[in-house]
């Protein structure tokens, strides 16, 4: 039987977590390709995890950690490399990530 996680009141199975990881990875690639002067350390903690979306054999906890680190990197880019409107949204994105990882 597949274990599930509760994220925002919804129980997610491993395949759904991996789908979210794939989506966020694509957002990362888009931002890296379309944002100038990105600091290379925005995704360093994600890279150190060595968990990619195609690593379906990795545990759900590993996939979940990767999702949080991708969110943190995306949030960093939105804060420091975008318009002031997106900088405001950074706070909205970062707070739930920090609370869920506690």
Protein backbone atom coordinates (compact mmCIF):
# COMPACT_ATOMS: atom_id res chain seq x y z
CA UNK A 1 0.00 0.00 0.00
CA UNK A 2 1.33 3.45 -0.90
CA UNK A 3 1.98 5.85 1.93
CA UNK A 4 0.69 9.36 1.56
CA UNK A 5 1.63 12.85 2.71
CA UNK A 6 -0.69 15.59 3.76
CA UNK A 7 0.19 18.82 1.97
CA UNK A 8 -2.22 21.69 2.50
CA UNK A 9 -4.93 19.31 3.69
CA UNK A 10 -4.65 17.00 0.67
CA UNK A 11 -3.17 13.51 0.91
CA UNK A 12 -0.62 13.05 -1.86
CA UNK A 13 0.72 9.79 -3.18
CA UNK A 14 4.28 9.36 -4.38
CA UNK A 15 3.41 9.75 -8.07
CA UNK A 16 1.69 13.07 -7.35
CA UNK A 17 4.72 14.29 -5.40
CA UNK A 18 6.94 13.34 -8.35
CA UNK A 19 4.61 15.22 -10.73
CA UNK A 20 4.95 18.32 -8.56
CA UNK A 21 8.73 17.85 -8.58
CA UNK A 22 8.70 17.68 -12.41
CA UNK A 23 6.66 20.87 -12.63
CA UNK A 24 8.89 22.82 -10.25
CA UNK A 25 11.99 21.55 -12.04
CA UNK A 26 10.57 22.94 -15.30
CA UNK A 27 9.91 26.28 -13.58
CA UNK A 28 13.53 26.28 -12.44
CA UNK A 29 14.78 25.65 -15.98
CA UNK A 30 12.53 28.40 -17.33
CA UNK A 31 13.78 30.91 -14.77
CA UNK A 32 17.41 29.99 -15.37
CA UNK A 33 16.96 30.40 -19.12
CA UNK A 34 14.98 33.64 -18.93
CA UNK A 35 16.48 35.54 -16.02
CA UNK A 36 19.74 37.41 -16.30
CA UNK A 37 22.48 37.36 -13.69
CA UNK A 38 21.12 34.43 -11.68
CA UNK A 39 23.34 33.59 -8.74
CA UNK A 40 24.59 30.06 -9.14
CA UNK A 41 23.85 29.34 -5.48
CA UNK A 42 20.08 29.78 -5.82
CA UNK A 43 19.69 26.02 -6.28
CA UNK A 44 22.84 24.77 -4.55
CA UNK A 45 20.92 23.06 -1.73
CA UNK A 46 18.70 21.37 -4.34
CA UNK A 47 21.75 20.15 -6.27
CA UNK A 48 23.33 18.84 -3.06
CA UNK A 49 20.31 16.59 -2.46
CA UNK A 50 21.07 14.72 -5.71
CA UNK A 51 17.39 13.99 -6.26
CA UNK A 52 15.98 14.62 -9.73
CA UNK A 53 12.36 14.13 -10.81
CA UNK A 54 13.32 11.03 -12.81
CA UNK A 55 14.76 9.38 -9.67
CA UNK A 56 11.50 7.59 -8.96
CA UNK A 57 13.31 5.05 -6.78
CA UNK A 58 14.17 7.74 -4.22
CA UNK A 59 11.98 7.91 -1.14
CA UNK A 60 9.02 10.22 -0.84
CA UNK A 61 10.86 12.11 1.87
CA UNK A 62 13.72 12.72 -0.58
CA UNK A 63 11.29 13.89 -3.25
CA UNK A 64 9.54 16.14 -0.73
CA UNK A 65 12.85 17.68 0.36
CA UNK A 66 13.70 18.33 -3.29
CA UNK A 67 10.36 20.08 -3.78
CA UNK A 68 11.00 22.38 -0.81
CA UNK A 69 14.50 23.23 -2.00
CA UNK A 70 13.22 23.97 -5.51
CA UNK A 71 10.58 26.25 -4.00
CA UNK A 72 13.24 27.98 -1.95
CA UNK A 73 15.42 28.55 -5.03
CA UNK A 74 12.50 29.75 -7.15
CA UNK A 75 11.47 32.08 -4.34
CA UNK A 76 15.02 33.47 -4.14
CA UNK A 77 15.08 34.18 -7.88
CA UNK A 78 11.69 35.88 -7.75
CA UNK A 79 12.83 38.03 -4.87
CA UNK A 80 16.17 39.20 -6.25
CA UNK A 81 15.82 39.05 -10.02
CA UNK A 82 12.34 40.24 -10.86
CA UNK A 83 9.97 43.16 -10.59
CA UNK A 84 8.83 44.60 -7.28
CA UNK A 85 5.46 42.88 -7.69
CA UNK A 86 7.18 39.49 -7.78
CA UNK A 87 9.39 40.46 -4.86
CA UNK A 88 6.24 40.86 -2.78
CA UNK A 89 5.11 37.38 -3.83
CA UNK A 90 8.41 35.96 -2.58
CA UNK A 91 7.27 36.39 1.01
CA UNK A 92 4.06 34.50 0.25
CA UNK A 93 6.04 31.60 -1.25
CA UNK A 94 8.78 31.40 1.35
CA UNK A 95 6.72 31.41 4.56
CA UNK A 96 4.84 28.12 3.97
CA UNK A 97 8.07 26.40 2.92
CA UNK A 98 9.80 27.42 6.13
CA UNK A 99 6.83 26.40 8.29
CA UNK A 100 6.40 22.98 6.68
CA UNK A 101 10.07 22.07 7.03
CA UNK A 102 10.07 22.65 10.80
